[in-house]
Amino acid sequence: MRSILPVFRRSIHESWRSLLGWSIGIAAVLFLYLPIYPTFGASDQMTELIDSLPKQLVDTLGYSQIATGAGYTEATFYGLMGFLLLTIASVIWGSAALAGAEESGRAELDLAHGIGRMQYAWESGLAVLVRLLWLGAFSGLVVWALNGPSELELDPVRLVGASAALTGLAFLTAAAALFAGAATGRKIWATGVGAGIAVLGYILQALAKQSSDLEWLNALSPYAWVFRQSPLAEGVDAAGLALTWGGALALAAASALALRARDLRG
């Protein structure tokens, strides 16, 4: 009898150590930044320092509300370090899932054992998604655990929204890498496209904050779709969240079609 979800199960089994390492790294960042909020983030000295900086720089870094628990958490983790860590993980996993497997010869061997191309692609994408969902949920749980001791006063519902926004943004990056890998079979292209989506999105929203004449750039930035409106302070932008997750799922589906339509490299 054929095993259920063989590619997905193998991918999860082989990557648990990596997933554990990423989880520890995220926890370390959160335990480094959040507990110092009462003595650093909410201090008068911090407020005076922020007020002395150029407004454009403050807006770009997301420091305008850093004196509040929600603003501090978003500025230090969700909008910066968490975004960076999950972006790196999503690019690595997304580029390795299809393009990396093809370059190593593993994909060709798996397909020779009766696994269809579309099945191979969607199971690979599902494995990446599950790992990112774990990192998003884990980071949210750690933030919630530190909420009381760190005096952040975060709303639990908005915390769920912020975690969904961060995870969706990471999965969009991974899905872009999956699609590029399925279309080209080259890991370098998958890595470049995935990283490019994340970096370009961040740059576009940063430029949009420099002038009201450039605010239209937010419409082109996945980062702005989920973080232009502060998820922790104001609640997640439902339309932006839906657009991010919808785009990610569409790219993941397109990856399966691209892999089915292309001749694999020998």
C-alpha atoms as a PDB file:
ATOM      1  CA  MET A   1       0.000   0.000   0.000  1.00  0.00           C
ATOM      2  CA  ARG A   2       1.322   3.434  -0.944  1.00  0.00           C
ATOM      3  CA  SER A   3       2.147   5.750   1.930  1.00  0.00           C
ATOM      4  CA  ILE A   4       0.120   8.910   2.439  1.00  0.00           C
ATOM      5  CA  LEU A   5       1.843  12.212   1.645  1.00  0.00           C
ATOM      6  CA  PRO A   6       5.304  10.653   1.219  1.00  0.00           C
ATOM      7  CA  VAL A   7       7.089  13.823   0.096  1.00  0.00           C
ATOM      8  CA  PHE A   8       5.516  15.934   2.844  1.00  0.00           C
ATOM      9  CA  ARG A   9       6.255  13.391   5.565  1.00  0.00           C
ATOM     10  CA  ARG A  10       9.863  12.969   4.497  1.00  0.00           C
ATOM     11  CA  SER A  11      10.427  16.707   4.286  1.00  0.00           C
ATOM     12  CA  ILE A  12       9.049  17.286   7.790  1.00  0.00           C
ATOM     13  CA  HIS A  13      11.049  14.354   9.173  1.00  0.00           C
ATOM     14  CA  GLU A  14      14.305  15.544   7.623  1.00  0.00           C
ATOM     15  CA  SER A  15      13.889  19.176   8.653  1.00  0.00           C
ATOM     16  CA  TRP A  16      12.887  18.913  12.317  1.00  0.00           C
ATOM     17  CA  ARG A  17      16.386  19.752  13.543  1.00  0.00           C
ATOM     18  CA  SER A  18      16.464  22.833  11.343  1.00  0.00           C
ATOM     19  CA  LEU A  19      13.014  23.814  12.554  1.00  0.00           C
ATOM     20  CA  LEU A  20      14.145  23.416  16.155  1.00  0.00           C
ATOM     21  CA  GLY A  21      17.130  25.665  15.475  1.00  0.00           C
ATOM     22  CA  TRP A  22      14.941  28.382  13.952  1.00  0.00           C
ATOM     23  CA  SER A  23      12.553  28.128  16.906  1.00  0.00           C
ATOM     24  CA  ILE A  24      15.402  28.573  19.377  1.00  0.00           C
ATOM     25  CA  GLY A  25      16.697  31.545  17.397  1.00  0.00           C
ATOM     26  CA  ILE A  26      13.296  33.244  17.404  1.00  0.00           C
ATOM     27  CA  ALA A  27      12.876  32.618  21.129  1.00  0.00           C
ATOM     28  CA  ALA A  28      16.341  34.055  21.780  1.00  0.00           C
ATOM     29  CA  VAL A  29      15.505  37.248  19.884  1.00  0.00           C
ATOM     30  CA  LEU A  30      12.227  37.678  21.749  1.00  0.00           C
ATOM     31  CA  PHE A  31      13.816  37.052  25.139  1.00  0.00           C
ATOM     32  CA  LEU A  32      16.529  39.551  24.239  1.00  0.00           C
ATOM     33  CA  TYR A  33      14.248  42.402  23.176  1.00  0.00           C
ATOM     34  CA  LEU A  34      10.890  42.199  24.919  1.00  0.00           C
ATOM     35  CA  PRO A  35      11.891  41.954  28.605  1.00  0.00           C
ATOM     36  CA  ILE A  36      13.815  45.241  28.420  1.00  0.00           C
ATOM     37  CA  TYR A  37      10.753  47.213  27.318  1.00  0.00           C
ATOM     38  CA  PRO A  38       9.815  48.499  30.812  1.00  0.00           C
ATOM     39  CA  THR A  39      13.247  50.036  31.361  1.00  0.00           C
ATOM     40  CA  PHE A  40      14.178  50.916  27.804  1.00  0.00           C
ATOM     41  CA  GLY A  41      11.274  51.159  25.385  1.00  0.00           C
ATOM     42  CA  ALA A  42       8.934  53.120  27.641  1.00  0.00           C
ATOM     43  CA  SER A  43      11.564  55.402  29.175  1.00  0.00           C
ATOM     44  CA  ASP A  44      11.619  59.189  28.821  1.00  0.00           C
ATOM     45  CA  GLN A  45      15.129  58.939  27.405  1.00  0.00           C
ATOM     46  CA  MET A  46      13.896  56.713  24.576  1.00  0.00           C
ATOM     47  CA  THR A  47      11.044  59.110  23.815  1.00  0.00           C
ATOM     48  CA  GLU A  48      13.462  62.035  23.687  1.00  0.00           C
ATOM     49  CA  LEU A  49      15.814  60.077  21.417  1.00  0.00           C
ATOM     50  CA  ILE A  50      13.021  59.198  19.005  1.00  0.00           C
ATOM     51  CA  ASP A  51      11.822  62.807  18.974  1.00  0.00           C
ATOM     52  CA  SER A  52      15.331  63.948  18.019  1.00  0.00           C
ATOM     53  CA  LEU A  53      15.477  61.714  14.934  1.00  0.00           C
ATOM     54  CA  PRO A  54      14.214  62.765  11.473  1.00  0.00           C
ATOM     55  CA  LYS A  55      10.526  61.934  11.057  1.00  0.00           C
ATOM     56  CA  GLN A  56      11.138  60.024   7.821  1.00  0.00           C
ATOM     57  CA  LEU A  57      13.668  57.766   9.536  1.00  0.00           C
ATOM     58  CA  VAL A  58      11.357  57.179  12.496  1.00  0.00           C
ATOM     59  CA  ASP A  59       8.477  56.262  10.175  1.00  0.00           C
ATOM     60  CA  THR A  60      10.671  53.977   8.074  1.00  0.00           C
ATOM     61  CA  LEU A  61      11.893  52.044  11.110  1.00  0.00           C
ATOM     62  CA  GLY A  62       8.434  51.946  12.656  1.00  0.00           C
ATOM     63  CA  TYR A  63       9.573  53.766  15.776  1.00  0.00           C
ATOM     64  CA  SER A  64       6.748  56.311  15.931  1.00  0.00           C
ATOM     65  CA  GLN A  65       4.844  54.261  18.543  1.00  0.00           C
ATOM     66  CA  ILE A  66       7.839  52.582  20.191  1.00  0.00           C
ATOM     67  CA  ALA A  67       6.905  53.983  23.606  1.00  0.00           C
ATOM     68  CA  THR A  68       3.868  51.662  23.670  1.00  0.00           C
ATOM     69  CA  GLY A  69       4.050  47.902  24.162  1.00  0.00           C
ATOM     70  CA  ALA A  70       2.378  47.223  20.813  1.00  0.00           C
ATOM     71  CA  GLY A  71       4.611  49.676  18.967  1.00  0.00           C
ATOM     72  CA  TYR A  72       7.760  48.375  20.629  1.00  0.00           C
ATOM     73  CA  THR A  73       6.927  44.720  19.871  1.00  0.00           C
ATOM     74  CA  GLU A  74       6.139  45.482  16.260  1.00  0.00           C
ATOM     75  CA  ALA A  75       9.185  47.706  15.738  1.00  0.00           C
ATOM     76  CA  THR A  76      11.633  45.236  17.259  1.00  0.00           C
ATOM     77  CA  PHE A  77      10.182  41.880  16.226  1.00  0.00           C
ATOM     78  CA  TYR A  78       7.232  41.691  13.854  1.00  0.00           C
ATOM     79  CA  GLY A  79       8.360  44.464  11.562  1.00  0.00           C
ATOM     80  CA  LEU A  80      12.109  43.851  11.830  1.00  0.00           C
ATOM     81  CA  MET A  81      13.827  40.837  13.418  1.00  0.00           C
ATOM     82  CA  GLY A  82      10.901  38.444  13.054  1.00  0.00           C
ATOM     83  CA  PHE A  83      10.428  39.544   9.464  1.00  0.00           C
ATOM     84  CA  LEU A  84      14.140  39.051   8.794  1.00  0.00           C
ATOM     85  CA  LEU A  85      14.340  35.601  10.392  1.00  0.00           C
ATOM     86  CA  LEU A  86      11.207  34.224   8.752  1.00  0.00           C
ATOM     87  CA  THR A  87      12.246  35.690   5.403  1.00  0.00           C
ATOM     88  CA  ILE A  88      15.596  33.906   5.562  1.00  0.00           C
ATOM     89  CA  ALA A  89      13.911  30.640   6.551  1.00  0.00           C
ATOM     90  CA  SER A  90      11.287  30.950   3.809  1.00  0.00           C
ATOM     91  CA  VAL A  91      13.876  31.658   1.109  1.00  0.00           C
ATOM     92  CA  ILE A  92      16.042  28.716   2.196  1.00  0.00           C
ATOM     93  CA  TRP A  93      13.129  26.288   2.411  1.00  0.00           C
ATOM     94  CA  GLY A  94      11.326  27.566  -0.668  1.00  0.00           C
ATOM     95  CA  SER A  95      14.387  27.410  -2.919  1.00  0.00           C
ATOM     96  CA  ALA A  96      15.411  23.971  -1.673  1.00  0.00           C
ATOM     97  CA  ALA A  97      11.955  22.371  -1.940  1.00  0.00           C
ATOM     98  CA  LEU A  98      11.772  22.122  -5.745  1.00  0.00           C
ATOM     99  CA  ALA A  99      14.837  23.712  -7.356  1.00  0.00           C
ATOM    100  CA  GLY A 100      17.227  22.246  -4.798  1.00  0.00           C
ATOM    101  CA  ALA A 101      15.642  18.809  -5.118  1.00  0.00           C
ATOM    102  CA  GLU A 102      15.925  18.960  -8.897  1.00  0.00           C
ATOM    103  CA  GLU A 103      19.550  20.060  -8.898  1.00  0.00           C
ATOM    104  CA  SER A 104      20.484  17.286  -6.477  1.00  0.00           C
ATOM    105  CA  GLY A 105      18.664  14.668  -8.549  1.00  0.00           C
ATOM    106  CA  ARG A 106      16.265  13.775  -5.745  1.00  0.00           C
ATOM    107  CA  ALA A 107      13.190  15.062  -7.590  1.00  0.00           C
ATOM    108  CA  GLU A 108      13.906  12.931 -10.658  1.00  0.00           C
ATOM    109  CA  LEU A 109      14.365   9.837  -8.472  1.00  0.00           C
ATOM    110  CA  ASP A 110      11.141  10.493  -6.559  1.00  0.00           C
ATOM    111  CA  LEU A 111       9.150  11.049  -9.732  1.00  0.00           C
ATOM    112  CA  ALA A 112      10.494   7.787 -11.123  1.00  0.00           C
ATOM    113  CA  HIS A 113       8.785   6.008  -8.206  1.00  0.00           C
ATOM    114  CA  GLY A 114       5.301   6.983  -9.285  1.00  0.00           C
ATOM    115  CA  ILE A 115       4.862  10.366  -7.590  1.00  0.00           C
ATOM    116  CA  GLY A 116       3.176  12.816  -9.934  1.00  0.00           C
ATOM    117  CA  ARG A 117       4.731  16.192 -10.592  1.00  0.00           C
ATOM    118  CA  MET A 118       1.795  18.176  -9.255  1.00  0.00           C
ATOM    119  CA  GLN A 119       1.674  16.009  -6.137  1.00  0.00           C
ATOM    120  CA  TYR A 120       5.399  16.473  -5.650  1.00  0.00           C
ATOM    121  CA  ALA A 121       5.052  20.245  -5.923  1.00  0.00           C
ATOM    122  CA  TRP A 122       2.088  20.690  -3.614  1.00  0.00           C
ATOM    123  CA  GLU A 123       3.416  18.319  -0.972  1.00  0.00           C
ATOM    124  CA  SER A 124       6.727  20.182  -1.025  1.00  0.00           C
ATOM    125  CA  GLY A 125       4.888  23.476  -0.696  1.00  0.00           C
ATOM    126  CA  LEU A 126       2.735  22.099   2.106  1.00  0.00           C
ATOM    127  CA  ALA A 127       5.843  21.072   4.048  1.00  0.00           C
ATOM    128  CA  VAL A 128       7.216  24.611   3.761  1.00  0.00           C
ATOM    129  CA  LEU A 129       3.876  26.092   4.820  1.00  0.00           C
ATOM    130  CA  VAL A 130       3.574  23.857   7.892  1.00  0.00           C
ATOM    131  CA  ARG A 131       7.060  24.824   9.062  1.00  0.00           C
ATOM    132  CA  LEU A 132       6.302  28.527   8.627  1.00  0.00           C
ATOM    133  CA  LEU A 133       2.968  28.132  10.417  1.00  0.00           C
ATOM    134  CA  TRP A 134       4.835  26.576  13.327  1.00  0.00           C
ATOM    135  CA  LEU A 135       7.325  29.455  13.476  1.00  0.00           C
ATOM    136  CA  GLY A 136       4.505  32.020  13.315  1.00  0.00           C
ATOM    137  CA  ALA A 137       2.488  30.262  16.026  1.00  0.00           C
ATOM    138  CA  PHE A 138       5.544  29.625  18.188  1.00  0.00           C
ATOM    139  CA  SER A 139       6.652  33.251  18.030  1.00  0.00           C
ATOM    140  CA  GLY A 140       3.142  34.381  18.947  1.00  0.00           C
ATOM    141  CA  LEU A 141       3.069  32.049  21.945  1.00  0.00           C
ATOM    142  CA  VAL A 142       6.442  33.303  23.163  1.00  0.00           C
ATOM    143  CA  VAL A 143       5.314  36.929  22.799  1.00  0.00           C
ATOM    144  CA  TRP A 144       2.156  36.120  24.738  1.00  0.00           C
ATOM    145  CA  ALA A 145       4.194  34.395  27.459  1.00  0.00           C
ATOM    146  CA  LEU A 146       6.317  37.539  27.782  1.00  0.00           C
ATOM    147  CA  ASN A 147       3.367  39.916  27.535  1.00  0.00           C
ATOM    148  CA  GLY A 148       2.722  40.119  31.267  1.00  0.00           C
ATOM    149  CA  PRO A 149       6.304  40.044  32.593  1.00  0.00           C
ATOM    150  CA  SER A 150       7.396  42.594  29.977  1.00  0.00           C
ATOM    151  CA  GLU A 151       4.403  44.894  30.657  1.00  0.00           C
ATOM    152  CA  LEU A 152       3.515  45.047  26.965  1.00  0.00           C
ATOM    153  CA  GLU A 153      -0.279  45.072  27.444  1.00  0.00           C
ATOM    154  CA  LEU A 154      -0.896  43.370  24.097  1.00  0.00           C
ATOM    155  CA  ASP A 155      -4.360  42.346  22.971  1.00  0.00           C
ATOM    156  CA  PRO A 156      -4.453  38.558  22.335  1.00  0.00           C
ATOM    157  CA  VAL A 157      -6.707  38.865  19.272  1.00  0.00           C
ATOM    158  CA  ARG A 158      -4.424  41.433  17.675  1.00  0.00           C
ATOM    159  CA  LEU A 159      -1.444  39.271  18.529  1.00  0.00           C
ATOM    160  CA  VAL A 160      -3.010  36.435  16.523  1.00  0.00           C
ATOM    161  CA  GLY A 161      -3.514  38.858  13.631  1.00  0.00           C
ATOM    162  CA  ALA A 162       0.108  40.016  13.779  1.00  0.00           C
ATOM    163  CA  SER A 163       1.340  36.408  13.731  1.00  0.00           C
ATOM    164  CA  ALA A 164      -0.927  35.628  10.768  1.00  0.00           C
ATOM    165  CA  ALA A 165       0.433  38.681   8.952  1.00  0.00           C
ATOM    166  CA  LEU A 166       4.060  37.730   9.568  1.00  0.00           C
ATOM    167  CA  THR A 167       3.473  34.113   8.557  1.00  0.00           C
ATOM    168  CA  GLY A 168       1.553  35.092   5.434  1.00  0.00           C
ATOM    169  CA  LEU A 169       4.314  37.453   4.368  1.00  0.00           C
ATOM    170  CA  ALA A 170       6.902  34.705   4.871  1.00  0.00           C
ATOM    171  CA  PHE A 171       4.820  32.179   2.932  1.00  0.00           C
ATOM    172  CA  LEU A 172       4.452  34.637   0.040  1.00  0.00           C
ATOM    173  CA  THR A 173       8.244  34.817  -0.115  1.00  0.00           C
ATOM    174  CA  ALA A 174       8.531  31.025   0.037  1.00  0.00           C
ATOM    175  CA  ALA A 175       5.844  30.581  -2.623  1.00  0.00           C
ATOM    176  CA  ALA A 176       7.688  32.962  -4.936  1.00  0.00           C
ATOM    177  CA  ALA A 177      10.826  30.863  -4.472  1.00  0.00           C
ATOM    178  CA  LEU A 178       8.811  27.689  -5.096  1.00  0.00           C
ATOM    179  CA  PHE A 179       7.393  29.079  -8.318  1.00  0.00           C
ATOM    180  CA  ALA A 180      10.765  30.290  -9.605  1.00  0.00           C
ATOM    181  CA  GLY A 181      12.285  26.917  -8.742  1.00  0.00           C
ATOM    182  CA  ALA A 182       9.507  25.011 -10.494  1.00  0.00           C
ATOM    183  CA  ALA A 183       9.734  27.224 -13.570  1.00  0.00           C
ATOM    184  CA  THR A 184      13.521  27.199 -13.953  1.00  0.00           C
ATOM    185  CA  GLY A 185      14.870  24.245 -12.000  1.00  0.00           C
ATOM    186  CA  ARG A 186      17.664  26.490 -10.754  1.00  0.00           C
ATOM    187  CA  LYS A 187      18.164  27.141  -7.060  1.00  0.00           C
ATOM    188  CA  ILE A 188      19.918  30.446  -7.677  1.00  0.00           C
ATOM    189  CA  TRP A 189      16.837  31.776  -9.464  1.00  0.00           C
ATOM    190  CA  ALA A 190      14.528  30.506  -6.734  1.00  0.00           C
ATOM    191  CA  THR A 191      16.650  32.162  -4.057  1.00  0.00           C
ATOM    192  CA  GLY A 192      16.883  35.414  -5.994  1.00  0.00           C
ATOM    193  CA  VAL A 193      13.167  35.683  -6.668  1.00  0.00           C
ATOM    194  CA  GLY A 194      12.176  34.804  -3.106  1.00  0.00           C
ATOM    195  CA  ALA A 195      14.637  37.221  -1.534  1.00  0.00           C
ATOM    196  CA  GLY A 196      13.818  39.849  -4.151  1.00  0.00           C
ATOM    197  CA  ILE A 197      10.122  39.810  -3.275  1.00  0.00           C
ATOM    198  CA  ALA A 198      10.897  40.368   0.410  1.00  0.00           C
ATOM    199  CA  VAL A 199      13.570  43.029  -0.091  1.00  0.00           C
ATOM    200  CA  LEU A 200      11.649  44.929  -2.754  1.00  0.00           C
ATOM    201  CA  GLY A 201       8.527  44.941  -0.613  1.00  0.00           C
ATOM    202  CA  TYR A 202      10.441  46.389   2.332  1.00  0.00           C
ATOM    203  CA  ILE A 203      12.123  49.041   0.180  1.00  0.00           C
ATOM    204  CA  LEU A 204       8.884  50.117  -1.481  1.00  0.00           C
ATOM    205  CA  GLN A 205       7.109  50.676   1.838  1.00  0.00           C
ATOM    206  CA  ALA A 206      10.135  52.578   3.131  1.00  0.00           C
ATOM    207  CA  LEU A 207      10.063  54.855   0.089  1.00  0.00           C
ATOM    208  CA  ALA A 208       6.317  55.341   0.461  1.00  0.00           C
ATOM    209  CA  LYS A 209       6.890  56.768   3.942  1.00  0.00           C
ATOM    210  CA  GLN A 210       9.251  59.443   2.669  1.00  0.00           C
ATOM    211  CA  SER A 211       6.620  61.503   0.884  1.00  0.00           C
ATOM    212  CA  SER A 212       2.864  61.620   0.427  1.00  0.00           C
ATOM    213  CA  ASP A 213       3.527  61.651  -3.319  1.00  0.00           C
ATOM    214  CA  LEU A 214       4.991  58.137  -3.021  1.00  0.00           C
ATOM    215  CA  GLU A 215       2.258  56.559  -0.930  1.00  0.00           C
ATOM    216  CA  TRP A 216       0.966  54.741  -4.011  1.00  0.00           C
ATOM    217  CA  LEU A 217       4.021  52.460  -3.721  1.00  0.00           C
ATOM    218  CA  ASN A 218       2.325  50.788  -0.754  1.00  0.00           C
ATOM    219  CA  ALA A 219      -0.017  49.089  -3.208  1.00  0.00           C
ATOM    220  CA  LEU A 220       2.997  47.283  -4.715  1.00  0.00           C
ATOM    221  CA  SER A 221       4.551  46.237  -1.402  1.00  0.00           C
ATOM    222  CA  PRO A 222       3.525  42.973   0.283  1.00  0.00           C
ATOM    223  CA  TYR A 223       5.208  44.280   3.435  1.00  0.00           C
ATOM    224  CA  ALA A 224       2.888  47.308   3.407  1.00  0.00           C
ATOM    225  CA  TRP A 225      -0.153  45.114   2.772  1.00  0.00           C
ATOM    226  CA  VAL A 226       0.169  43.637   6.250  1.00  0.00           C
ATOM    227  CA  PHE A 227       2.213  46.185   8.228  1.00  0.00           C
ATOM    228  CA  ARG A 228       1.158  49.596   6.888  1.00  0.00           C
ATOM    229  CA  GLN A 229      -1.607  49.429   9.485  1.00  0.00           C
ATOM    230  CA  SER A 230      -0.116  48.267  12.772  1.00  0.00           C
ATOM    231  CA  PRO A 231      -1.556  44.785  13.501  1.00  0.00           C
ATOM    232  CA  LEU A 232      -0.773  45.015  17.218  1.00  0.00           C
ATOM    233  CA  ALA A 233      -1.910  48.602  17.785  1.00  0.00           C
ATOM    234  CA  GLU A 234      -4.836  48.918  15.346  1.00  0.00           C
ATOM    235  CA  GLY A 235      -5.667  45.373  14.313  1.00  0.00           C
ATOM    236  CA  VAL A 236      -4.595  43.595  11.159  1.00  0.00           C
ATOM    237  CA  ASP A 237      -5.716  44.939   7.773  1.00  0.00           C
ATOM    238  CA  ALA A 238      -8.106  42.189   6.646  1.00  0.00           C
ATOM    239  CA  ALA A 239      -7.867  43.122   2.963  1.00  0.00           C
ATOM    240  CA  GLY A 240      -4.071  43.216   3.046  1.00  0.00           C
ATOM    241  CA  LEU A 241      -3.933  39.923   4.910  1.00  0.00           C
ATOM    242  CA  ALA A 242      -6.263  38.270   2.398  1.00  0.00           C
ATOM    243  CA  LEU A 243      -4.230  39.643  -0.516  1.00  0.00           C
ATOM    244  CA  THR A 244      -0.992  38.333   0.985  1.00  0.00           C
ATOM    245  CA  TRP A 245      -2.299  34.834   1.715  1.00  0.00           C
ATOM    246  CA  GLY A 246      -4.201  34.725  -1.571  1.00  0.00           C
ATOM    247  CA  GLY A 247      -1.098  35.669  -3.539  1.00  0.00           C
ATOM    248  CA  ALA A 248       0.968  33.080  -1.688  1.00  0.00           C
ATOM    249  CA  LEU A 249      -1.528  30.290  -2.338  1.00  0.00           C
ATOM    250  CA  ALA A 250      -1.833  31.303  -5.987  1.00  0.00           C
ATOM    251  CA  LEU A 251       1.954  31.153  -6.441  1.00  0.00           C
ATOM    252  CA  ALA A 252       2.075  27.773  -4.709  1.00  0.00           C
ATOM    253  CA  ALA A 253      -0.603  26.442  -7.065  1.00  0.00           C
ATOM    254  CA  ALA A 254       1.228  27.928 -10.050  1.00  0.00           C
ATOM    255  CA  SER A 255       4.354  26.083  -8.929  1.00  0.00           C
ATOM    256  CA  ALA A 256       2.599  22.751  -9.420  1.00  0.00           C
ATOM    257  CA  LEU A 257       1.438  23.761 -12.891  1.00  0.00           C
ATOM    258  CA  ALA A 258       4.904  25.050 -13.815  1.00  0.00           C
ATOM    259  CA  LEU A 259       6.582  21.832 -12.715  1.00  0.00           C
ATOM    260  CA  ARG A 260       4.085  19.730 -14.641  1.00  0.00           C
ATOM    261  CA  ALA A 261       4.615  21.709 -17.836  1.00  0.00           C
ATOM    262  CA  ARG A 262       8.423  21.751 -17.862  1.00  0.00           C
ATOM    263  CA  ASP A 263      10.963  19.075 -18.781  1.00  0.00           C
ATOM    264  CA  LEU A 264      13.126  18.323 -15.786  1.00  0.00           C
ATOM    265  CA  ARG A 265      16.859  18.635 -16.141  1.00  0.00           C
ATOM    266  CA  GLY A 266      18.739  15.375 -16.277  1.00  0.00           C
END
